[in-house]
């Protein structure tokens, strides 16, 4: 049992530390997800609206749409950051 715990501790992959490149990748992934979600969401504007003024282009973009797209953006960004980190690019 103890040898299994030691083996698990040694097989944990290293991750990239935060730096401006990581932040830029996450921001771009979130912006990409918001842009795609703006046109891909089938029933926009059915939930509560955002409490800030927004342009007419984003008229039916509310809290549920924002949460959904940024959640997808974070999942996408995490995958890209981990992939680039393991490839040695970051």
PDB file of N, CA and C in Angstrom:
ATOM      1  N   UNK A   1       0.820  -1.192   0.000  1.00  0.00           N
ATOM      2  CA  UNK A   1       0.000   0.000   0.000  1.00  0.00           C
ATOM      3  C   UNK A   1       0.862   1.253   0.000  1.00  0.00           C
ATOM      4  N   UNK A   2       1.900   1.271   0.824  1.00  0.00           N
ATOM      5  CA  UNK A   2       2.767   2.442   0.890  1.00  0.00           C
ATOM      6  C   UNK A   2       3.515   2.624  -0.427  1.00  0.00           C
ATOM      7  N   UNK A   3       3.945   1.545  -1.033  1.00  0.00           N
ATOM      8  CA  UNK A   3       4.661   1.667  -2.308  1.00  0.00           C
ATOM      9  C   UNK A   3       3.733   2.218  -3.396  1.00  0.00           C
ATOM     10  N   UNK A   4       2.442   1.929  -3.330  1.00  0.00           N
ATOM     11  CA  UNK A   4       1.496   2.475  -4.295  1.00  0.00           C
ATOM     12  C   UNK A   4       1.363   3.985  -4.132  1.00  0.00           C
ATOM     13  N   UNK A   5       1.337   4.472  -2.898  1.00  0.00           N
ATOM     14  CA  UNK A   5       1.262   5.906  -2.652  1.00  0.00           C
ATOM     15  C   UNK A   5       2.522   6.616  -3.123  1.00  0.00           C
ATOM     16  N   UNK A   6       3.678   5.993  -2.905  1.00  0.00           N
ATOM     17  CA  UNK A   6       4.931   6.593  -3.357  1.00  0.00           C
ATOM     18  C   UNK A   6       4.970   6.630  -4.874  1.00  0.00           C
ATOM     19  N   UNK A   7       4.525   5.576  -5.521  1.00  0.00           N
ATOM     20  CA  UNK A   7       4.481   5.539  -6.972  1.00  0.00           C
ATOM     21  C   UNK A   7       3.545   6.608  -7.515  1.00  0.00           C
ATOM     22  N   UNK A   8       2.405   6.810  -6.879  1.00  0.00           N
ATOM     23  CA  UNK A   8       1.453   7.824  -7.320  1.00  0.00           C
ATOM     24  C   UNK A   8       2.037   9.219  -7.166  1.00  0.00           C
ATOM     25  N   UNK A   9       2.816   9.443  -6.128  1.00  0.00           N
ATOM     26  CA  UNK A   9       3.420  10.758  -5.913  1.00  0.00           C
ATOM     27  C   UNK A   9       4.480  11.057  -6.964  1.00  0.00           C
ATOM     28  N   UNK A  10       5.179  10.037  -7.437  1.00  0.00           N
ATOM     29  CA  UNK A  10       6.221  10.247  -8.428  1.00  0.00           C
ATOM     30  C   UNK A  10       5.683  10.319  -9.852  1.00  0.00           C
ATOM     31  N   UNK A  11       4.480   9.853 -10.083  1.00  0.00           N
ATOM     32  CA  UNK A  11       3.938   9.865 -11.436  1.00  0.00           C
ATOM     33  C   UNK A  11       3.013  11.062 -11.704  1.00  0.00           C
ATOM     34  N   UNK A  12       2.965  11.992 -10.769  1.00  0.00           N
ATOM     35  CA  UNK A  12       2.139  13.176 -10.967  1.00  0.00           C
ATOM     36  C   UNK A  12       2.837  14.119 -11.938  1.00  0.00           C
ATOM     37  N   UNK A  13       2.163  14.514 -13.013  1.00  0.00           N
ATOM     38  CA  UNK A  13       2.819  15.386 -13.994  1.00  0.00           C
ATOM     39  C   UNK A  13       3.016  16.795 -13.440  1.00  0.00           C
ATOM     40  N   UNK A  14       4.052  17.438 -13.890  1.00  0.00           N
ATOM     41  CA  UNK A  14       4.284  18.824 -13.497  1.00  0.00           C
ATOM     42  C   UNK A  14       3.420  19.735 -14.363  1.00  0.00           C
ATOM     43  N   UNK A  15       3.016  20.841 -13.799  1.00  0.00           N
ATOM     44  CA  UNK A  15       2.202  21.799 -14.543  1.00  0.00           C
ATOM     45  C   UNK A  15       2.972  23.100 -14.701  1.00  0.00           C
ATOM     46  N   UNK A  16       2.525  23.893 -15.619  1.00  0.00           N
ATOM     47  CA  UNK A  16       3.166  25.168 -15.908  1.00  0.00           C
ATOM     48  C   UNK A  16       2.776  26.173 -14.830  1.00  0.00           C
ATOM     49  N   UNK A  17       3.741  26.936 -14.347  1.00  0.00           N
ATOM     50  CA  UNK A  17       3.439  27.995 -13.396  1.00  0.00           C
ATOM     51  C   UNK A  17       2.773  29.143 -14.143  1.00  0.00           C
ATOM     52  N   UNK A  18       2.017  29.953 -13.390  1.00  0.00           N
ATOM     53  CA  UNK A  18       1.336  31.072 -14.014  1.00  0.00           C
ATOM     54  C   UNK A  18       2.360  32.066 -14.527  1.00  0.00           C
ATOM     55  N   UNK A  19       2.116  32.571 -15.732  1.00  0.00           N
ATOM     56  CA  UNK A  19       2.901  33.655 -16.306  1.00  0.00           C
ATOM     57  C   UNK A  19       2.005  34.396 -17.291  1.00  0.00           C
ATOM     58  N   UNK A  20       2.433  35.509 -17.836  1.00  0.00           N
ATOM     59  CA  UNK A  20       1.572  36.261 -18.760  1.00  0.00           C
ATOM     60  C   UNK A  20       1.137  35.468 -19.993  1.00  0.00           C
ATOM     61  N   UNK A  21       1.947  34.545 -20.451  1.00  0.00           N
ATOM     62  CA  UNK A  21       1.555  33.719 -21.597  1.00  0.00           C
ATOM     63  C   UNK A  21       0.362  32.829 -21.261  1.00  0.00           C
ATOM     64  N   UNK A  22       0.365  32.265 -20.070  1.00  0.00           N
ATOM     65  CA  UNK A  22      -0.751  31.430 -19.616  1.00  0.00           C
ATOM     66  C   UNK A  22      -2.019  32.274 -19.517  1.00  0.00           C
ATOM     67  N   UNK A  23      -1.884  33.475 -18.966  1.00  0.00           N
ATOM     68  CA  UNK A  23      -3.038  34.369 -18.846  1.00  0.00           C
ATOM     69  C   UNK A  23      -3.586  34.749 -20.220  1.00  0.00           C
ATOM     70  N   UNK A  24      -2.697  35.047 -21.163  1.00  0.00           N
ATOM     71  CA  UNK A  24      -3.129  35.423 -22.511  1.00  0.00           C
ATOM     72  C   UNK A  24      -3.859  34.279 -23.201  1.00  0.00           C
ATOM     73  N   UNK A  25      -3.363  33.067 -23.035  1.00  0.00           N
ATOM     74  CA  UNK A  25      -4.029  31.908 -23.636  1.00  0.00           C
ATOM     75  C   UNK A  25      -5.422  31.728 -23.040  1.00  0.00           C
ATOM     76  N   UNK A  26      -5.559  31.864 -21.722  1.00  0.00           N
ATOM     77  CA  UNK A  26      -6.876  31.700 -21.085  1.00  0.00           C
ATOM     78  C   UNK A  26      -7.837  32.798 -21.530  1.00  0.00           C
ATOM     79  N   UNK A  27      -7.359  34.023 -21.636  1.00  0.00           N
ATOM     80  CA  UNK A  27      -8.216  35.128 -22.089  1.00  0.00           C
ATOM     81  C   UNK A  27      -8.674  34.888 -23.521  1.00  0.00           C
ATOM     82  N   UNK A  28      -7.762  34.487 -24.393  1.00  0.00           N
ATOM     83  CA  UNK A  28      -8.127  34.244 -25.790  1.00  0.00           C
ATOM     84  C   UNK A  28      -9.102  33.079 -25.926  1.00  0.00           C
ATOM     85  N   UNK A  29      -8.922  32.044 -25.125  1.00  0.00           N
ATOM     86  CA  UNK A  29      -9.849  30.905 -25.161  1.00  0.00           C
ATOM     87  C   UNK A  29     -11.240  31.327 -24.702  1.00  0.00           C
ATOM     88  N   UNK A  30     -11.326  32.174 -23.686  1.00  0.00           N
ATOM     89  CA  UNK A  30     -12.625  32.650 -23.223  1.00  0.00           C
ATOM     90  C   UNK A  30     -13.284  33.556 -24.256  1.00  0.00           C
ATOM     91  N   UNK A  31     -12.516  34.436 -24.882  1.00  0.00           N
ATOM     92  CA  UNK A  31     -13.084  35.290 -25.935  1.00  0.00           C
ATOM     93  C   UNK A  31     -13.570  34.462 -27.122  1.00  0.00           C
ATOM     94  N   UNK A  32     -12.799  33.430 -27.476  1.00  0.00           N
ATOM     95  CA  UNK A  32     -13.217  32.536 -28.560  1.00  0.00           C
ATOM     96  C   UNK A  32     -14.512  31.817 -28.200  1.00  0.00           C
ATOM     97  N   UNK A  33     -14.606  31.322 -26.973  1.00  0.00           N
ATOM     98  CA  UNK A  33     -15.807  30.610 -26.537  1.00  0.00           C
ATOM     99  C   UNK A  33     -17.019  31.537 -26.504  1.00  0.00           C
ATOM    100  N   UNK A  34     -16.838  32.777 -26.073  1.00  0.00           N
ATOM    101  CA  UNK A  34     -17.952  33.733 -26.066  1.00  0.00           C
ATOM    102  C   UNK A  34     -18.399  34.033 -27.487  1.00  0.00           C
ATOM    103  N   UNK A  35     -17.448  34.210 -28.400  1.00  0.00           N
ATOM    104  CA  UNK A  35     -17.804  34.499 -29.802  1.00  0.00           C
ATOM    105  C   UNK A  35     -18.548  33.324 -30.430  1.00  0.00           C
ATOM    106  N   UNK A  36     -18.085  32.120 -30.195  1.00  0.00           N
ATOM    107  CA  UNK A  36     -18.759  30.944 -30.746  1.00  0.00           C
ATOM    108  C   UNK A  36     -20.123  30.755 -30.081  1.00  0.00           C
ATOM    109  N   UNK A  37     -20.174  30.899 -28.771  1.00  0.00           N
ATOM    110  CA  UNK A  37     -21.426  30.711 -28.040  1.00  0.00           C
ATOM    111  C   UNK A  37     -22.481  31.739 -28.385  1.00  0.00           C
ATOM    112  N   UNK A  38     -22.066  32.926 -28.746  1.00  0.00           N
ATOM    113  CA  UNK A  38     -23.016  33.988 -29.120  1.00  0.00           C
ATOM    114  C   UNK A  38     -23.901  33.544 -30.277  1.00  0.00           C
ATOM    115  N   UNK A  39     -23.314  32.799 -31.199  1.00  0.00           N
ATOM    116  CA  UNK A  39     -24.070  32.352 -32.370  1.00  0.00           C
ATOM    117  C   UNK A  39     -24.547  30.907 -32.271  1.00  0.00           C
ATOM    118  N   UNK A  40     -24.002  30.124 -31.339  1.00  0.00           N
ATOM    119  CA  UNK A  40     -24.347  28.705 -31.245  1.00  0.00           C
ATOM    120  C   UNK A  40     -25.461  28.416 -30.249  1.00  0.00           C
ATOM    121  N   UNK A  41     -25.701  29.299 -29.298  1.00  0.00           N
ATOM    122  CA  UNK A  41     -26.732  29.057 -28.287  1.00  0.00           C
ATOM    123  C   UNK A  41     -28.097  29.171 -28.948  1.00  0.00           C
ATOM    124  N   UNK A  42     -28.925  28.143 -28.788  1.00  0.00           N
ATOM    125  CA  UNK A  42     -30.181  28.061 -29.531  1.00  0.00           C
ATOM    126  C   UNK A  42     -31.292  28.933 -28.960  1.00  0.00           C
ATOM    127  N   UNK A  43     -31.339  29.137 -27.653  1.00  0.00           N
ATOM    128  CA  UNK A  43     -32.400  29.941 -27.041  1.00  0.00           C
ATOM    129  C   UNK A  43     -31.781  31.041 -26.181  1.00  0.00           C
ATOM    130  N   UNK A  44     -31.215  32.070 -26.810  1.00  0.00           N
ATOM    131  CA  UNK A  44     -30.549  33.109 -26.014  1.00  0.00           C
ATOM    132  C   UNK A  44     -31.541  34.037 -25.323  1.00  0.00           C
ATOM    133  N   UNK A  45     -31.105  34.613 -24.236  1.00  0.00           N
ATOM    134  CA  UNK A  45     -31.881  35.631 -23.553  1.00  0.00           C
ATOM    135  C   UNK A  45     -33.048  35.130 -22.732  1.00  0.00           C
ATOM    136  N   UNK A  46     -33.093  33.857 -22.381  1.00  0.00           N
ATOM    137  CA  UNK A  46     -34.226  33.331 -21.610  1.00  0.00           C
ATOM    138  C   UNK A  46     -34.036  33.483 -20.108  1.00  0.00           C
ATOM    139  N   UNK A  47     -32.837  33.778 -19.666  1.00  0.00           N
ATOM    140  CA  UNK A  47     -32.568  33.924 -18.237  1.00  0.00           C
ATOM    141  C   UNK A  47     -32.395  35.382 -17.867  1.00  0.00           C
ATOM    142  N   UNK A  48     -31.855  35.633 -16.679  1.00  0.00           N
ATOM    143  CA  UNK A  48     -31.634  37.011 -16.246  1.00  0.00           C
ATOM    144  C   UNK A  48     -30.604  37.715 -17.127  1.00  0.00           C
ATOM    145  N   UNK A  49     -30.783  39.017 -17.272  1.00  0.00           N
ATOM    146  CA  UNK A  49     -29.902  39.816 -18.103  1.00  0.00           C
ATOM    147  C   UNK A  49     -28.677  40.250 -17.307  1.00  0.00           C
ATOM    148  N   UNK A  50     -27.614  40.590 -18.008  1.00  0.00           N
ATOM    149  CA  UNK A  50     -26.421  41.098 -17.344  1.00  0.00           C
ATOM    150  C   UNK A  50     -26.705  42.479 -16.758  1.00  0.00           C
ATOM    151  N   UNK A  51     -26.145  42.792 -15.596  1.00  0.00           N
ATOM    152  CA  UNK A  51     -26.440  44.068 -14.947  1.00  0.00           C
ATOM    153  C   UNK A  51     -25.601  45.230 -15.475  1.00  0.00           C
ATOM    154  N   UNK A  52     -24.970  45.071 -16.604  1.00  0.00           N
ATOM    155  CA  UNK A  52     -24.150  46.135 -17.181  1.00  0.00           C
ATOM    156  C   UNK A  52     -24.676  46.486 -18.567  1.00  0.00           C
ATOM    157  N   UNK A  53     -24.472  47.711 -19.007  1.00  0.00           N
ATOM    158  CA  UNK A  53     -24.890  48.044 -20.374  1.00  0.00           C
ATOM    159  C   UNK A  53     -24.026  47.302 -21.384  1.00  0.00           C
ATOM    160  N   UNK A  54     -24.640  46.918 -22.483  1.00  0.00           N
ATOM    161  CA  UNK A  54     -23.904  46.190 -23.515  1.00  0.00           C
ATOM    162  C   UNK A  54     -24.359  46.658 -24.890  1.00  0.00           C
ATOM    163  N   UNK A  55     -23.539  46.444 -25.908  1.00  0.00           N
ATOM    164  CA  UNK A  55     -23.923  46.881 -27.253  1.00  0.00           C
ATOM    165  C   UNK A  55     -25.139  46.112 -27.773  1.00  0.00           C
ATOM    166  N   UNK A  56     -25.752  46.660 -28.792  1.00  0.00           N
ATOM    167  CA  UNK A  56     -26.960  46.043 -29.353  1.00  0.00           C
ATOM    168  C   UNK A  56     -26.688  44.658 -29.929  1.00  0.00           C
ATOM    169  N   UNK A  57     -25.461  44.417 -30.374  1.00  0.00           N
ATOM    170  CA  UNK A  57     -25.090  43.107 -30.908  1.00  0.00           C
ATOM    171  C   UNK A  57     -25.253  42.009 -29.853  1.00  0.00           C
ATOM    172  N   UNK A  58     -25.043  42.348 -28.585  1.00  0.00           N
ATOM    173  CA  UNK A  58     -25.126  41.391 -27.489  1.00  0.00           C
ATOM    174  C   UNK A  58     -26.453  41.514 -26.754  1.00  0.00           C
ATOM    175  N   UNK A  59     -27.508  41.890 -27.457  1.00  0.00           N
ATOM    176  CA  UNK A  59     -28.805  42.175 -26.839  1.00  0.00           C
ATOM    177  C   UNK A  59     -29.362  40.999 -26.042  1.00  0.00           C
ATOM    178  N   UNK A  60     -29.298  39.792 -26.553  1.00  0.00           N
ATOM    179  CA  UNK A  60     -29.861  38.628 -25.860  1.00  0.00           C
ATOM    180  C   UNK A  60     -28.761  37.760 -25.263  1.00  0.00           C
ATOM    181  N   UNK A  61     -27.772  38.388 -24.678  1.00  0.00           N
ATOM    182  CA  UNK A  61     -26.665  37.669 -24.050  1.00  0.00           C
ATOM    183  C   UNK A  61     -26.708  37.964 -22.568  1.00  0.00           C
ATOM    184  N   UNK A  62     -27.215  37.019 -21.779  1.00  0.00           N
ATOM    185  CA  UNK A  62     -27.420  37.239 -20.353  1.00  0.00           C
ATOM    186  C   UNK A  62     -26.480  36.423 -19.488  1.00  0.00           C
ATOM    187  N   UNK A  63     -26.843  36.293 -18.234  1.00  0.00           N
ATOM    188  CA  UNK A  63     -26.021  35.589 -17.254  1.00  0.00           C
ATOM    189  C   UNK A  63     -25.841  34.110 -17.623  1.00  0.00           C
ATOM    190  N   UNK A  64     -26.899  33.374 -18.017  1.00  0.00           N
ATOM    191  CA  UNK A  64     -26.680  31.960 -18.361  1.00  0.00           C
ATOM    192  C   UNK A  64     -25.727  31.781 -19.539  1.00  0.00           C
ATOM    193  N   UNK A  65     -25.844  32.657 -20.525  1.00  0.00           N
ATOM    194  CA  UNK A  65     -24.961  32.565 -21.692  1.00  0.00           C
ATOM    195  C   UNK A  65     -23.512  32.873 -21.293  1.00  0.00           C
ATOM    196  N   UNK A  66     -23.343  33.867 -20.436  1.00  0.00           N
ATOM    197  CA  UNK A  66     -21.998  34.222 -19.991  1.00  0.00           C
ATOM    198  C   UNK A  66     -21.366  33.085 -19.193  1.00  0.00           C
ATOM    199  N   UNK A  67     -22.129  32.498 -18.272  1.00  0.00           N
ATOM    200  CA  UNK A  67     -21.599  31.392 -17.475  1.00  0.00           C
ATOM    201  C   UNK A  67     -21.281  30.171 -18.337  1.00  0.00           C
ATOM    202  N   UNK A  68     -22.147  29.869 -19.285  1.00  0.00           N
ATOM    203  CA  UNK A  68     -21.921  28.709 -20.148  1.00  0.00           C
ATOM    204  C   UNK A  68     -20.686  28.893 -21.029  1.00  0.00           C
ATOM    205  N   UNK A  69     -20.562  30.061 -21.649  1.00  0.00           N
ATOM    206  CA  UNK A  69     -19.442  30.267 -22.570  1.00  0.00           C
ATOM    207  C   UNK A  69     -18.114  30.382 -21.828  1.00  0.00           C
ATOM    208  N   UNK A  70     -18.098  31.045 -20.681  1.00  0.00           N
ATOM    209  CA  UNK A  70     -16.826  31.150 -19.960  1.00  0.00           C
ATOM    210  C   UNK A  70     -16.443  29.828 -19.298  1.00  0.00           C
ATOM    211  N   UNK A  71     -17.414  29.010 -18.939  1.00  0.00           N
ATOM    212  CA  UNK A  71     -17.088  27.668 -18.435  1.00  0.00           C
ATOM    213  C   UNK A  71     -16.428  26.849 -19.537  1.00  0.00           C
ATOM    214  N   UNK A  72     -17.003  26.904 -20.730  1.00  0.00           N
ATOM    215  CA  UNK A  72     -16.397  26.208 -21.868  1.00  0.00           C
ATOM    216  C   UNK A  72     -15.023  26.799 -22.185  1.00  0.00           C
ATOM    217  N   UNK A  73     -14.889  28.110 -22.098  1.00  0.00           N
ATOM    218  CA  UNK A  73     -13.604  28.753 -22.363  1.00  0.00           C
ATOM    219  C   UNK A  73     -12.528  28.323 -21.386  1.00  0.00           C
ATOM    220  N   UNK A  74     -12.892  28.154 -20.111  1.00  0.00           N
ATOM    221  CA  UNK A  74     -11.915  27.701 -19.131  1.00  0.00           C
ATOM    222  C   UNK A  74     -11.523  26.243 -19.365  1.00  0.00           C
ATOM    223  N   UNK A  75     -12.462  25.407 -19.747  1.00  0.00           N
ATOM    224  CA  UNK A  75     -12.134  24.009 -20.056  1.00  0.00           C
ATOM    225  C   UNK A  75     -11.209  23.952 -21.265  1.00  0.00           C
ATOM    226  N   UNK A  76     -11.537  24.720 -22.290  1.00  0.00           N
ATOM    227  CA  UNK A  76     -10.711  24.777 -23.495  1.00  0.00           C
ATOM    228  C   UNK A  76      -9.321  25.326 -23.167  1.00  0.00           C
ATOM    229  N   UNK A  77      -9.268  26.407 -22.404  1.00  0.00           N
ATOM    230  CA  UNK A  77      -7.989  27.007 -22.031  1.00  0.00           C
ATOM    231  C   UNK A  77      -7.133  26.088 -21.197  1.00  0.00           C
ATOM    232  N   UNK A  78      -7.743  25.378 -20.262  1.00  0.00           N
ATOM    233  CA  UNK A  78      -6.992  24.439 -19.430  1.00  0.00           C
ATOM    234  C   UNK A  78      -6.364  23.349 -20.279  1.00  0.00           C
ATOM    235  N   UNK A  79      -7.123  22.817 -21.213  1.00  0.00           N
ATOM    236  CA  UNK A  79      -6.588  21.786 -22.099  1.00  0.00           C
ATOM    237  C   UNK A  79      -5.444  22.292 -22.953  1.00  0.00           C
ATOM    238  N   UNK A  80      -5.584  23.489 -23.489  1.00  0.00           N
ATOM    239  CA  UNK A  80      -4.523  24.048 -24.327  1.00  0.00           C
ATOM    240  C   UNK A  80      -3.279  24.345 -23.500  1.00  0.00           C
ATOM    241  N   UNK A  81      -3.457  24.926 -22.313  1.00  0.00           N
ATOM    242  CA  UNK A  81      -2.307  25.241 -21.460  1.00  0.00           C
ATOM    243  C   UNK A  81      -1.585  23.966 -21.028  1.00  0.00           C
ATOM    244  N   UNK A  82      -2.330  22.943 -20.623  1.00  0.00           N
ATOM    245  CA  UNK A  82      -1.686  21.684 -20.223  1.00  0.00           C
ATOM    246  C   UNK A  82      -0.996  21.016 -21.408  1.00  0.00           C
ATOM    247  N   UNK A  83      -1.643  21.064 -22.563  1.00  0.00           N
ATOM    248  CA  UNK A  83      -1.034  20.467 -23.756  1.00  0.00           C
ATOM    249  C   UNK A  83       0.240  21.184 -24.172  1.00  0.00           C
ATOM    250  N   UNK A  84       0.204  22.511 -24.195  1.00  0.00           N
ATOM    251  CA  UNK A  84       1.400  23.268 -24.569  1.00  0.00           C
ATOM    252  C   UNK A  84       2.493  23.143 -23.513  1.00  0.00           C
ATOM    253  N   UNK A  85       2.090  23.042 -22.249  1.00  0.00           N
ATOM    254  CA  UNK A  85       3.075  22.858 -21.189  1.00  0.00           C
ATOM    255  C   UNK A  85       3.768  21.519 -21.278  1.00  0.00           C
ATOM    256  N   UNK A  86       3.019  20.471 -21.553  1.00  0.00           N
ATOM    257  CA  UNK A  86       3.616  19.144 -21.681  1.00  0.00           C
ATOM    258  C   UNK A  86       4.451  19.013 -22.950  1.00  0.00           C
ATOM    259  N   UNK A  87       4.119  19.800 -23.974  1.00  0.00           N
ATOM    260  CA  UNK A  87       4.906  19.788 -25.214  1.00  0.00           C
ATOM    261  C   UNK A  87       6.173  20.611 -25.078  1.00  0.00           C
ATOM    262  N   UNK A  88       6.271  21.402 -23.996  1.00  0.00           N
ATOM    263  CA  UNK A  88       7.465  22.210 -23.782  1.00  0.00           C
ATOM    264  C   UNK A  88       7.419  23.574 -24.434  1.00  0.00           C
ATOM    265  N   UNK A  89       6.266  23.970 -24.933  1.00  0.00           N
ATOM    266  CA  UNK A  89       6.152  25.266 -25.596  1.00  0.00           C
ATOM    267  C   UNK A  89       6.012  26.394 -24.572  1.00  0.00           C
ATOM    268  N   UNK A  90       5.326  26.142 -23.465  1.00  0.00           N
ATOM    269  CA  UNK A  90       5.179  27.165 -22.425  1.00  0.00           C
ATOM    270  C   UNK A  90       6.259  27.032 -21.372  1.00  0.00           C
TER     271      UNK A  90
END
